[in-house]
């Protein structure tokens, strides 16, 4: 997909990658250190990813956390995926948000019953 912003990401923006996935800072961060992890293959959402892609994303999640802990020293994390327009997905290439959280920051993820 030539028009996909995640498929055409410049290599200079990649923080870490493995055979099937890559991670980079979000262009519109919720907080300092907000990272996205995406499979290299264009796939619309989490449920279309292969087991191998999921494992690669999980591997990068651990590596990204280590880097963010060292560089930003967050107090916690939100890790999440939006699947579908109704759920807030705006770029239809699977991406996992890794959002560092800090005591006193203004944002939060709220779940309602």
PDB file of N, CA and C in Angstrom:
ATOM      1  N   UNK A   1       0.838  -1.178   0.000  1.00  0.00           N
ATOM      2  CA  UNK A   1       0.000   0.000   0.000  1.00  0.00           C
ATOM      3  C   UNK A   1       0.884   1.243   0.000  1.00  0.00           C
ATOM      4  N   UNK A   2       1.050   1.849  -1.134  1.00  0.00           N
ATOM      5  CA  UNK A   2       1.930   3.000  -1.274  1.00  0.00           C
ATOM      6  C   UNK A   2       1.424   4.240  -0.553  1.00  0.00           C
ATOM      7  N   UNK A   3       0.126   4.354  -0.326  1.00  0.00           N
ATOM      8  CA  UNK A   3      -0.411   5.541   0.335  1.00  0.00           C
ATOM      9  C   UNK A   3      -0.521   5.385   1.853  1.00  0.00           C
ATOM     10  N   UNK A   4      -0.095   4.268   2.388  1.00  0.00           N
ATOM     11  CA  UNK A   4      -0.159   4.029   3.834  1.00  0.00           C
ATOM     12  C   UNK A   4       1.043   4.679   4.518  1.00  0.00           C
ATOM     13  N   UNK A   5       0.777   5.563   5.463  1.00  0.00           N
ATOM     14  CA  UNK A   5       1.846   6.287   6.162  1.00  0.00           C
ATOM     15  C   UNK A   5       2.759   5.342   6.942  1.00  0.00           C
ATOM     16  N   UNK A   6       2.234   4.220   7.424  1.00  0.00           N
ATOM     17  CA  UNK A   6       3.076   3.283   8.163  1.00  0.00           C
ATOM     18  C   UNK A   6       3.897   2.395   7.232  1.00  0.00           C
ATOM     19  N   UNK A   7       3.412   2.152   6.026  1.00  0.00           N
ATOM     20  CA  UNK A   7       4.152   1.345   5.050  1.00  0.00           C
ATOM     21  C   UNK A   7       5.302   2.133   4.427  1.00  0.00           C
ATOM     22  N   UNK A   8       5.183   3.457   4.405  1.00  0.00           N
ATOM     23  CA  UNK A   8       6.187   4.308   3.750  1.00  0.00           C
ATOM     24  C   UNK A   8       7.028   5.086   4.759  1.00  0.00           C
ATOM     25  N   UNK A   9       7.038   4.640   5.993  1.00  0.00           N
ATOM     26  CA  UNK A   9       7.787   5.310   7.057  1.00  0.00           C
ATOM     27  C   UNK A   9       9.282   5.338   6.725  1.00  0.00           C
ATOM     28  N   UNK A  10       9.920   6.510   6.782  1.00  0.00           N
ATOM     29  CA  UNK A  10      11.365   6.576   6.537  1.00  0.00           C
ATOM     30  C   UNK A  10      12.138   5.777   7.586  1.00  0.00           C
ATOM     31  N   UNK A  11      13.179   5.091   7.149  1.00  0.00           N
ATOM     32  CA  UNK A  11      13.977   4.273   8.067  1.00  0.00           C
ATOM     33  C   UNK A  11      14.577   5.097   9.198  1.00  0.00           C
ATOM     34  N   UNK A  12      14.812   6.377   8.959  1.00  0.00           N
ATOM     35  CA  UNK A  12      15.409   7.236   9.987  1.00  0.00           C
ATOM     36  C   UNK A  12      14.489   7.429  11.187  1.00  0.00           C
ATOM     37  N   UNK A  13      13.193   7.130  11.039  1.00  0.00           N
ATOM     38  CA  UNK A  13      12.238   7.292  12.142  1.00  0.00           C
ATOM     39  C   UNK A  13      12.075   6.026  12.982  1.00  0.00           C
ATOM     40  N   UNK A  14      12.648   4.925  12.545  1.00  0.00           N
ATOM     41  CA  UNK A  14      12.467   3.648  13.237  1.00  0.00           C
ATOM     42  C   UNK A  14      13.351   3.588  14.480  1.00  0.00           C
ATOM     43  N   UNK A  15      12.718   3.322  15.621  1.00  0.00           N
ATOM     44  CA  UNK A  15      13.452   3.183  16.889  1.00  0.00           C
ATOM     45  C   UNK A  15      14.083   1.814  17.007  1.00  0.00           C
ATOM     46  N   UNK A  16      13.289   0.796  16.714  1.00  0.00           N
ATOM     47  CA  UNK A  16      13.731  -0.587  16.818  1.00  0.00           C
ATOM     48  C   UNK A  16      12.859  -1.417  15.887  1.00  0.00           C
ATOM     49  N   UNK A  17      13.419  -2.488  15.350  1.00  0.00           N
ATOM     50  CA  UNK A  17      12.646  -3.359  14.479  1.00  0.00           C
ATOM     51  C   UNK A  17      13.177  -4.774  14.568  1.00  0.00           C
ATOM     52  N   UNK A  18      12.369  -5.690  14.098  1.00  0.00           N
ATOM     53  CA  UNK A  18      12.792  -7.071  13.940  1.00  0.00           C
ATOM     54  C   UNK A  18      12.324  -7.513  12.555  1.00  0.00           C
ATOM     55  N   UNK A  19      12.321  -8.786  12.298  1.00  0.00           N
ATOM     56  CA  UNK A  19      11.999  -9.276  10.955  1.00  0.00           C
ATOM     57  C   UNK A  19      10.597  -8.879  10.493  1.00  0.00           C
ATOM     58  N   UNK A  20       9.625  -8.844  11.407  1.00  0.00           N
ATOM     59  CA  UNK A  20       8.233  -8.662  11.000  1.00  0.00           C
ATOM     60  C   UNK A  20       7.567  -7.382  11.495  1.00  0.00           C
ATOM     61  N   UNK A  21       8.244  -6.614  12.353  1.00  0.00           N
ATOM     62  CA  UNK A  21       7.592  -5.426  12.919  1.00  0.00           C
ATOM     63  C   UNK A  21       8.609  -4.317  13.165  1.00  0.00           C
ATOM     64  N   UNK A  22       8.076  -3.102  13.366  1.00  0.00           N
ATOM     65  CA  UNK A  22       8.929  -1.944  13.660  1.00  0.00           C
ATOM     66  C   UNK A  22       8.215  -1.030  14.651  1.00  0.00           C
ATOM     67  N   UNK A  23       9.005  -0.204  15.327  1.00  0.00           N
ATOM     68  CA  UNK A  23       8.454   0.738  16.305  1.00  0.00           C
ATOM     69  C   UNK A  23       9.022   2.126  16.038  1.00  0.00           C
ATOM     70  N   UNK A  24       8.195   3.138  16.293  1.00  0.00           N
ATOM     71  CA  UNK A  24       8.596   4.526  16.051  1.00  0.00           C
ATOM     72  C   UNK A  24       7.752   5.442  16.929  1.00  0.00           C
ATOM     73  N   UNK A  25       8.243   6.660  17.147  1.00  0.00           N
ATOM     74  CA  UNK A  25       7.489   7.626  17.942  1.00  0.00           C
ATOM     75  C   UNK A  25       6.248   8.081  17.181  1.00  0.00           C
ATOM     76  N   UNK A  26       5.138   8.204  17.903  1.00  0.00           N
ATOM     77  CA  UNK A  26       3.883   8.681  17.328  1.00  0.00           C
ATOM     78  C   UNK A  26       4.038  10.147  16.920  1.00  0.00           C
ATOM     79  N   UNK A  27       3.541  10.481  15.736  1.00  0.00           N
ATOM     80  CA  UNK A  27       3.618  11.859  15.231  1.00  0.00           C
ATOM     81  C   UNK A  27       2.751  12.811  16.060  1.00  0.00           C
ATOM     82  N   UNK A  28       1.705  12.278  16.689  1.00  0.00           N
ATOM     83  CA  UNK A  28       0.789  13.072  17.516  1.00  0.00           C
ATOM     84  C   UNK A  28       0.704  12.444  18.906  1.00  0.00           C
ATOM     85  N   UNK A  29       1.767  12.577  19.708  1.00  0.00           N
ATOM     86  CA  UNK A  29       1.840  11.844  20.976  1.00  0.00           C
ATOM     87  C   UNK A  29       0.838  12.313  22.025  1.00  0.00           C
ATOM     88  N   UNK A  30       0.315  11.346  22.765  1.00  0.00           N
ATOM     89  CA  UNK A  30      -0.537  11.621  23.922  1.00  0.00           C
ATOM     90  C   UNK A  30       0.329  12.097  25.085  1.00  0.00           C
ATOM     91  N   UNK A  31       1.546  11.555  25.168  1.00  0.00           N
ATOM     92  CA  UNK A  31       2.493  11.946  26.213  1.00  0.00           C
ATOM     93  C   UNK A  31       3.905  11.781  25.667  1.00  0.00           C
ATOM     94  N   UNK A  32       4.880  12.294  26.397  1.00  0.00           N
ATOM     95  CA  UNK A  32       6.282  12.162  25.992  1.00  0.00           C
ATOM     96  C   UNK A  32       6.655  10.688  25.902  1.00  0.00           C
ATOM     97  N   UNK A  33       7.180  10.283  24.747  1.00  0.00           N
ATOM     98  CA  UNK A  33       7.603   8.909  24.555  1.00  0.00           C
ATOM     99  C   UNK A  33       6.575   8.000  23.911  1.00  0.00           C
ATOM    100  N   UNK A  34       5.424   8.520  23.509  1.00  0.00           N
ATOM    101  CA  UNK A  34       4.358   7.721  22.878  1.00  0.00           C
ATOM    102  C   UNK A  34       4.906   7.046  21.617  1.00  0.00           C
ATOM    103  N   UNK A  35       4.847   5.725  21.595  1.00  0.00           N
ATOM    104  CA  UNK A  35       5.395   4.923  20.499  1.00  0.00           C
ATOM    105  C   UNK A  35       4.288   4.096  19.866  1.00  0.00           C
ATOM    106  N   UNK A  36       4.429   3.851  18.562  1.00  0.00           N
ATOM    107  CA  UNK A  36       3.562   2.923  17.841  1.00  0.00           C
ATOM    108  C   UNK A  36       4.396   1.739  17.390  1.00  0.00           C
ATOM    109  N   UNK A  37       3.822   0.544  17.503  1.00  0.00           N
ATOM    110  CA  UNK A  37       4.451  -0.672  16.994  1.00  0.00           C
ATOM    111  C   UNK A  37       3.545  -1.211  15.901  1.00  0.00           C
ATOM    112  N   UNK A  38       4.116  -1.467  14.722  1.00  0.00           N
ATOM    113  CA  UNK A  38       3.324  -1.917  13.577  1.00  0.00           C
ATOM    114  C   UNK A  38       3.984  -3.119  12.918  1.00  0.00           C
ATOM    115  N   UNK A  39       3.184  -4.011  12.320  1.00  0.00           N
ATOM    116  CA  UNK A  39       3.787  -5.055  11.497  1.00  0.00           C
ATOM    117  C   UNK A  39       4.303  -4.428  10.206  1.00  0.00           C
ATOM    118  N   UNK A  40       5.337  -5.005   9.635  1.00  0.00           N
ATOM    119  CA  UNK A  40       5.863  -4.497   8.364  1.00  0.00           C
ATOM    120  C   UNK A  40       4.895  -4.770   7.218  1.00  0.00           C
ATOM    121  N   UNK A  41       4.210  -5.889   7.289  1.00  0.00           N
ATOM    122  CA  UNK A  41       3.211  -6.218   6.268  1.00  0.00           C
ATOM    123  C   UNK A  41       1.978  -5.365   6.522  1.00  0.00           C
ATOM    124  N   UNK A  42       1.414  -4.813   5.468  1.00  0.00           N
ATOM    125  CA  UNK A  42       0.197  -4.016   5.641  1.00  0.00           C
ATOM    126  C   UNK A  42      -0.954  -4.953   5.991  1.00  0.00           C
ATOM    127  N   UNK A  43      -1.489  -4.770   7.170  1.00  0.00           N
ATOM    128  CA  UNK A  43      -2.651  -5.519   7.620  1.00  0.00           C
ATOM    129  C   UNK A  43      -3.529  -4.554   8.409  1.00  0.00           C
ATOM    130  N   UNK A  44      -4.818  -4.605   8.174  1.00  0.00           N
ATOM    131  CA  UNK A  44      -5.725  -3.577   8.687  1.00  0.00           C
ATOM    132  C   UNK A  44      -5.836  -3.553  10.204  1.00  0.00           C
ATOM    133  N   UNK A  45      -5.886  -4.727  10.841  1.00  0.00           N
ATOM    134  CA  UNK A  45      -6.134  -4.711  12.281  1.00  0.00           C
ATOM    135  C   UNK A  45      -5.560  -5.929  12.977  1.00  0.00           C
ATOM    136  N   UNK A  46      -5.674  -5.917  14.277  1.00  0.00           N
ATOM    137  CA  UNK A  46      -5.117  -6.951  15.138  1.00  0.00           C
ATOM    138  C   UNK A  46      -5.580  -8.350  14.750  1.00  0.00           C
ATOM    139  N   UNK A  47      -6.826  -8.484  14.365  1.00  0.00           N
ATOM    140  CA  UNK A  47      -7.388  -9.801  14.085  1.00  0.00           C
ATOM    141  C   UNK A  47      -6.939 -10.370  12.746  1.00  0.00           C
ATOM    142  N   UNK A  48      -6.301  -9.549  11.918  1.00  0.00           N
ATOM    143  CA  UNK A  48      -5.763 -10.013  10.642  1.00  0.00           C
ATOM    144  C   UNK A  48      -4.283 -10.365  10.723  1.00  0.00           C
ATOM    145  N   UNK A  49      -3.646 -10.098  11.848  1.00  0.00           N
ATOM    146  CA  UNK A  49      -2.218 -10.378  12.008  1.00  0.00           C
ATOM    147  C   UNK A  49      -1.986 -11.873  12.187  1.00  0.00           C
ATOM    148  N   UNK A  50      -0.845 -12.337  11.689  1.00  0.00           N
ATOM    149  CA  UNK A  50      -0.470 -13.741  11.868  1.00  0.00           C
ATOM    150  C   UNK A  50       0.074 -13.948  13.286  1.00  0.00           C
ATOM    151  N   UNK A  51       0.173 -15.207  13.689  1.00  0.00           N
ATOM    152  CA  UNK A  51       0.759 -15.523  14.997  1.00  0.00           C
ATOM    153  C   UNK A  51       2.198 -15.022  15.068  1.00  0.00           C
ATOM    154  N   UNK A  52       2.913 -15.140  13.952  1.00  0.00           N
ATOM    155  CA  UNK A  52       4.301 -14.693  13.909  1.00  0.00           C
ATOM    156  C   UNK A  52       4.397 -13.167  14.049  1.00  0.00           C
ATOM    157  N   UNK A  53       3.495 -12.454  13.396  1.00  0.00           N
ATOM    158  CA  UNK A  53       3.475 -10.993  13.535  1.00  0.00           C
ATOM    159  C   UNK A  53       3.140 -10.589  14.966  1.00  0.00           C
ATOM    160  N   UNK A  54       2.193 -11.275  15.571  1.00  0.00           N
ATOM    161  CA  UNK A  54       1.829 -10.973  16.959  1.00  0.00           C
ATOM    162  C   UNK A  54       3.021 -11.200  17.892  1.00  0.00           C
ATOM    163  N   UNK A  55       3.763 -12.286  17.662  1.00  0.00           N
ATOM    164  CA  UNK A  55       4.942 -12.560  18.483  1.00  0.00           C
ATOM    165  C   UNK A  55       6.005 -11.482  18.281  1.00  0.00           C
ATOM    166  N   UNK A  56       6.182 -11.037  17.053  1.00  0.00           N
ATOM    167  CA  UNK A  56       7.160  -9.984  16.758  1.00  0.00           C
ATOM    168  C   UNK A  56       6.770  -8.669  17.414  1.00  0.00           C
ATOM    169  N   UNK A  57       5.491  -8.349  17.383  1.00  0.00           N
ATOM    170  CA  UNK A  57       4.999  -7.137  18.043  1.00  0.00           C
ATOM    171  C   UNK A  57       5.228  -7.245  19.550  1.00  0.00           C
ATOM    172  N   UNK A  58       4.944  -8.409  20.125  1.00  0.00           N
ATOM    173  CA  UNK A  58       5.179  -8.621  21.557  1.00  0.00           C
ATOM    174  C   UNK A  58       6.640  -8.472  21.932  1.00  0.00           C
ATOM    175  N   UNK A  59       7.525  -8.977  21.086  1.00  0.00           N
ATOM    176  CA  UNK A  59       8.961  -8.843  21.317  1.00  0.00           C
ATOM    177  C   UNK A  59       9.361  -7.367  21.328  1.00  0.00           C
ATOM    178  N   UNK A  60       8.858  -6.609  20.360  1.00  0.00           N
ATOM    179  CA  UNK A  60       9.180  -5.179  20.312  1.00  0.00           C
ATOM    180  C   UNK A  60       8.560  -4.419  21.479  1.00  0.00           C
ATOM    181  N   UNK A  61       7.406  -4.848  21.949  1.00  0.00           N
ATOM    182  CA  UNK A  61       6.772  -4.199  23.094  1.00  0.00           C
ATOM    183  C   UNK A  61       7.709  -4.214  24.299  1.00  0.00           C
ATOM    184  N   UNK A  62       8.335  -5.353  24.546  1.00  0.00           N
ATOM    185  CA  UNK A  62       9.284  -5.451  25.661  1.00  0.00           C
ATOM    186  C   UNK A  62      10.490  -4.530  25.439  1.00  0.00           C
ATOM    187  N   UNK A  63      11.025  -4.541  24.218  1.00  0.00           N
ATOM    188  CA  UNK A  63      12.198  -3.717  23.912  1.00  0.00           C
ATOM    189  C   UNK A  63      11.874  -2.228  24.000  1.00  0.00           C
ATOM    190  N   UNK A  64      10.717  -1.841  23.486  1.00  0.00           N
ATOM    191  CA  UNK A  64      10.297  -0.440  23.547  1.00  0.00           C
ATOM    192  C   UNK A  64      10.150  -0.001  25.001  1.00  0.00           C
ATOM    193  N   UNK A  65       9.534  -0.836  25.833  1.00  0.00           N
ATOM    194  CA  UNK A  65       9.372  -0.484  27.248  1.00  0.00           C
ATOM    195  C   UNK A  65      10.729  -0.242  27.904  1.00  0.00           C
ATOM    196  N   UNK A  66      11.695  -1.103  27.627  1.00  0.00           N
ATOM    197  CA  UNK A  66      13.034  -0.926  28.195  1.00  0.00           C
ATOM    198  C   UNK A  66      13.630   0.417  27.771  1.00  0.00           C
ATOM    199  N   UNK A  67      13.490   0.755  26.485  1.00  0.00           N
ATOM    200  CA  UNK A  67      14.031   2.025  25.988  1.00  0.00           C
ATOM    201  C   UNK A  67      13.315   3.218  26.614  1.00  0.00           C
ATOM    202  N   UNK A  68      11.993   3.128  26.711  1.00  0.00           N
ATOM    203  CA  UNK A  68      11.223   4.234  27.287  1.00  0.00           C
ATOM    204  C   UNK A  68      11.511   4.395  28.774  1.00  0.00           C
ATOM    205  N   UNK A  69      11.648   3.273  29.484  1.00  0.00           N
ATOM    206  CA  UNK A  69      11.998   3.339  30.908  1.00  0.00           C
ATOM    207  C   UNK A  69      13.317   4.090  31.094  1.00  0.00           C
ATOM    208  N   UNK A  70      14.287   3.778  30.256  1.00  0.00           N
ATOM    209  CA  UNK A  70      15.608   4.387  30.365  1.00  0.00           C
ATOM    210  C   UNK A  70      15.595   5.867  29.966  1.00  0.00           C
ATOM    211  N   UNK A  71      14.861   6.195  28.899  1.00  0.00           N
ATOM    212  CA  UNK A  71      14.891   7.559  28.370  1.00  0.00           C
ATOM    213  C   UNK A  71      13.906   8.511  29.050  1.00  0.00           C
ATOM    214  N   UNK A  72      12.696   8.011  29.399  1.00  0.00           N
ATOM    215  CA  UNK A  72      11.637   8.904  29.881  1.00  0.00           C
ATOM    216  C   UNK A  72      11.230   8.682  31.344  1.00  0.00           C
ATOM    217  N   UNK A  73      11.545   7.523  31.914  1.00  0.00           N
ATOM    218  CA  UNK A  73      11.228   7.205  33.314  1.00  0.00           C
ATOM    219  C   UNK A  73       9.744   7.382  33.647  1.00  0.00           C
ATOM    220  N   UNK A  74       8.844   6.769  32.878  1.00  0.00           N
ATOM    221  CA  UNK A  74       7.415   6.923  33.172  1.00  0.00           C
ATOM    222  C   UNK A  74       7.020   6.174  34.445  1.00  0.00           C
ATOM    223  N   UNK A  75       5.848   6.543  34.957  1.00  0.00           N
ATOM    224  CA  UNK A  75       5.305   5.898  36.148  1.00  0.00           C
ATOM    225  C   UNK A  75       4.383   4.732  35.810  1.00  0.00           C
ATOM    226  N   UNK A  76       3.999   4.613  34.554  1.00  0.00           N
ATOM    227  CA  UNK A  76       3.119   3.544  34.101  1.00  0.00           C
ATOM    228  C   UNK A  76       2.943   3.622  32.601  1.00  0.00           C
ATOM    229  N   UNK A  77       2.089   2.756  32.068  1.00  0.00           N
ATOM    230  CA  UNK A  77       1.854   2.700  30.624  1.00  0.00           C
ATOM    231  C   UNK A  77       0.392   2.407  30.323  1.00  0.00           C
ATOM    232  N   UNK A  78      -0.085   2.956  29.210  1.00  0.00           N
ATOM    233  CA  UNK A  78      -1.285   2.460  28.541  1.00  0.00           C
ATOM    234  C   UNK A  78      -0.781   1.771  27.285  1.00  0.00           C
ATOM    235  N   UNK A  79      -1.246   0.551  27.052  1.00  0.00           N
ATOM    236  CA  UNK A  79      -0.915  -0.189  25.834  1.00  0.00           C
ATOM    237  C   UNK A  79      -2.235  -0.599  25.221  1.00  0.00           C
ATOM    238  N   UNK A  80      -2.453  -0.223  23.961  1.00  0.00           N
ATOM    239  CA  UNK A  80      -3.755  -0.531  23.384  1.00  0.00           C
ATOM    240  C   UNK A  80      -3.794  -0.504  21.877  1.00  0.00           C
ATOM    241  N   UNK A  81      -4.896  -1.048  21.365  1.00  0.00           N
ATOM    242  CA  UNK A  81      -5.142  -1.146  19.929  1.00  0.00           C
ATOM    243  C   UNK A  81      -6.597  -0.769  19.672  1.00  0.00           C
ATOM    244  N   UNK A  82      -6.829   0.085  18.691  1.00  0.00           N
ATOM    245  CA  UNK A  82      -8.184   0.393  18.235  1.00  0.00           C
ATOM    246  C   UNK A  82      -8.447  -0.440  16.987  1.00  0.00           C
ATOM    247  N   UNK A  83      -9.572  -1.137  16.957  1.00  0.00           N
ATOM    248  CA  UNK A  83      -9.925  -1.975  15.805  1.00  0.00           C
ATOM    249  C   UNK A  83     -11.231  -1.469  15.221  1.00  0.00           C
ATOM    250  N   UNK A  84     -11.147  -0.857  14.057  1.00  0.00           N
ATOM    251  CA  UNK A  84     -12.330  -0.364  13.372  1.00  0.00           C
ATOM    252  C   UNK A  84     -12.619   1.094  13.657  1.00  0.00           C
ATOM    253  N   UNK A  85     -13.279   1.723  12.708  1.00  0.00           N
ATOM    254  CA  UNK A  85     -13.601   3.146  12.818  1.00  0.00           C
ATOM    255  C   UNK A  85     -14.435   3.444  14.063  1.00  0.00           C
ATOM    256  N   UNK A  86     -15.388   2.570  14.386  1.00  0.00           N
ATOM    257  CA  UNK A  86     -16.248   2.783  15.553  1.00  0.00           C
ATOM    258  C   UNK A  86     -15.457   2.771  16.857  1.00  0.00           C
ATOM    259  N   UNK A  87     -14.293   2.121  16.839  1.00  0.00           N
ATOM    260  CA  UNK A  87     -13.444   2.047  18.031  1.00  0.00           C
ATOM    261  C   UNK A  87     -12.371   3.131  18.044  1.00  0.00           C
ATOM    262  N   UNK A  88     -12.380   3.990  17.033  1.00  0.00           N
ATOM    263  CA  UNK A  88     -11.422   5.085  17.002  1.00  0.00           C
ATOM    264  C   UNK A  88     -10.226   4.879  16.099  1.00  0.00           C
ATOM    265  N   UNK A  89     -10.200   3.775  15.334  1.00  0.00           N
ATOM    266  CA  UNK A  89      -9.078   3.558  14.420  1.00  0.00           C
ATOM    267  C   UNK A  89      -9.177   4.545  13.260  1.00  0.00           C
ATOM    268  N   UNK A  90      -8.097   5.285  13.025  1.00  0.00           N
ATOM    269  CA  UNK A  90      -8.080   6.263  11.930  1.00  0.00           C
ATOM    270  C   UNK A  90      -7.080   5.906  10.841  1.00  0.00           C
ATOM    271  N   UNK A  91      -6.059   5.126  11.177  1.00  0.00           N
ATOM    272  CA  UNK A  91      -5.109   4.611  10.185  1.00  0.00           C
ATOM    273  C   UNK A  91      -5.336   3.111  10.129  1.00  0.00           C
ATOM    274  N   UNK A  92      -5.701   2.609   8.957  1.00  0.00           N
ATOM    275  CA  UNK A  92      -6.103   1.210   8.853  1.00  0.00           C
ATOM    276  C   UNK A  92      -4.931   0.309   8.485  1.00  0.00           C
ATOM    277  N   UNK A  93      -3.909   0.423   9.313  1.00  0.00           N
ATOM    278  CA  UNK A  93      -2.748  -0.464   9.354  1.00  0.00           C
ATOM    279  C   UNK A  93      -2.581  -0.733  10.845  1.00  0.00           C
ATOM    280  N   UNK A  94      -2.627  -1.991  11.224  1.00  0.00           N
ATOM    281  CA  UNK A  94      -2.522  -2.358  12.636  1.00  0.00           C
ATOM    282  C   UNK A  94      -1.415  -1.569  13.320  1.00  0.00           C
ATOM    283  N   UNK A  95      -1.733  -0.952  14.444  1.00  0.00           N
ATOM    284  CA  UNK A  95      -0.717  -0.282  15.247  1.00  0.00           C
ATOM    285  C   UNK A  95      -1.075  -0.388  16.726  1.00  0.00           C
ATOM    286  N   UNK A  96      -0.064  -0.710  17.506  1.00  0.00           N
ATOM    287  CA  UNK A  96      -0.203  -0.834  18.953  1.00  0.00           C
ATOM    288  C   UNK A  96       0.364   0.436  19.579  1.00  0.00           C
ATOM    289  N   UNK A  97      -0.459   1.116  20.365  1.00  0.00           N
ATOM    290  CA  UNK A  97      -0.021   2.319  21.075  1.00  0.00           C
ATOM    291  C   UNK A  97       0.682   1.913  22.368  1.00  0.00           C
ATOM    292  N   UNK A  98       1.857   2.459  22.593  1.00  0.00           N
ATOM    293  CA  UNK A  98       2.574   2.307  23.859  1.00  0.00           C
ATOM    294  C   UNK A  98       2.714   3.728  24.400  1.00  0.00           C
ATOM    295  N   UNK A  99       1.887   4.041  25.402  1.00  0.00           N
ATOM    296  CA  UNK A  99       1.787   5.417  25.895  1.00  0.00           C
ATOM    297  C   UNK A  99       2.327   5.493  27.323  1.00  0.00           C
ATOM    298  N   UNK A 100       3.494   6.100  27.496  1.00  0.00           N
ATOM    299  CA  UNK A 100       4.006   6.285  28.855  1.00  0.00           C
ATOM    300  C   UNK A 100       3.086   7.222  29.637  1.00  0.00           C
ATOM    301  N   UNK A 101       2.889   6.911  30.912  1.00  0.00           N
ATOM    302  CA  UNK A 101       2.050   7.755  31.774  1.00  0.00           C
ATOM    303  C   UNK A 101       2.893   8.241  32.944  1.00  0.00           C
ATOM    304  N   UNK A 102       2.565   9.430  33.407  1.00  0.00           N
ATOM    305  CA  UNK A 102       3.335  10.086  34.456  1.00  0.00           C
ATOM    306  C   UNK A 102       2.386  10.576  35.546  1.00  0.00           C
ATOM    307  N   UNK A 103       2.812  10.463  36.804  1.00  0.00           N
ATOM    308  CA  UNK A 103       1.992  10.989  37.902  1.00  0.00           C
ATOM    309  C   UNK A 103       1.670  12.446  37.615  1.00  0.00           C
ATOM    310  N   UNK A 104       0.396  12.792  37.703  1.00  0.00           N
ATOM    311  CA  UNK A 104      -0.029  14.164  37.494  1.00  0.00           C
ATOM    312  C   UNK A 104      -0.319  14.541  36.056  1.00  0.00           C
ATOM    313  N   UNK A 105      -0.113  13.619  35.089  1.00  0.00           N
ATOM    314  CA  UNK A 105      -0.443  14.015  33.716  1.00  0.00           C
ATOM    315  C   UNK A 105      -1.953  14.116  33.559  1.00  0.00           C
ATOM    316  N   UNK A 106      -2.377  14.863  32.579  1.00  0.00           N
ATOM    317  CA  UNK A 106      -3.796  15.202  32.436  1.00  0.00           C
ATOM    318  C   UNK A 106      -4.620  14.098  31.797  1.00  0.00           C
ATOM    319  N   UNK A 107      -3.993  13.255  31.018  1.00  0.00           N
ATOM    320  CA  UNK A 107      -4.754  12.263  30.265  1.00  0.00           C
ATOM    321  C   UNK A 107      -4.933  10.963  30.997  1.00  0.00           C
ATOM    322  N   UNK A 108      -5.935  10.233  30.590  1.00  0.00           N
ATOM    323  CA  UNK A 108      -6.142   8.886  31.107  1.00  0.00           C
ATOM    324  C   UNK A 108      -7.062   8.144  30.165  1.00  0.00           C
ATOM    325  N   UNK A 109      -7.005   6.843  30.240  1.00  0.00           N
ATOM    326  CA  UNK A 109      -7.935   6.007  29.489  1.00  0.00           C
ATOM    327  C   UNK A 109      -9.032   5.619  30.463  1.00  0.00           C
ATOM    328  N   UNK A 110     -10.262   5.896  30.124  1.00  0.00           N
ATOM    329  CA  UNK A 110     -11.397   5.618  31.007  1.00  0.00           C
ATOM    330  C   UNK A 110     -12.239   4.484  30.424  1.00  0.00           C
ATOM    331  N   UNK A 111     -12.558   3.497  31.226  1.00  0.00           N
ATOM    332  CA  UNK A 111     -13.460   2.419  30.828  1.00  0.00           C
ATOM    333  C   UNK A 111     -14.774   2.624  31.565  1.00  0.00           C
ATOM    334  N   UNK A 112     -15.863   2.522  30.863  1.00  0.00           N
ATOM    335  CA  UNK A 112     -17.180   2.726  31.471  1.00  0.00           C
ATOM    336  C   UNK A 112     -17.956   1.420  31.456  1.00  0.00           C
ATOM    337  N   UNK A 113     -18.688   1.179  32.534  1.00  0.00           N
ATOM    338  CA  UNK A 113     -19.491  -0.050  32.594  1.00  0.00           C
ATOM    339  C   UNK A 113     -20.872   0.179  32.021  1.00  0.00           C
TER     340      UNK A 113
END
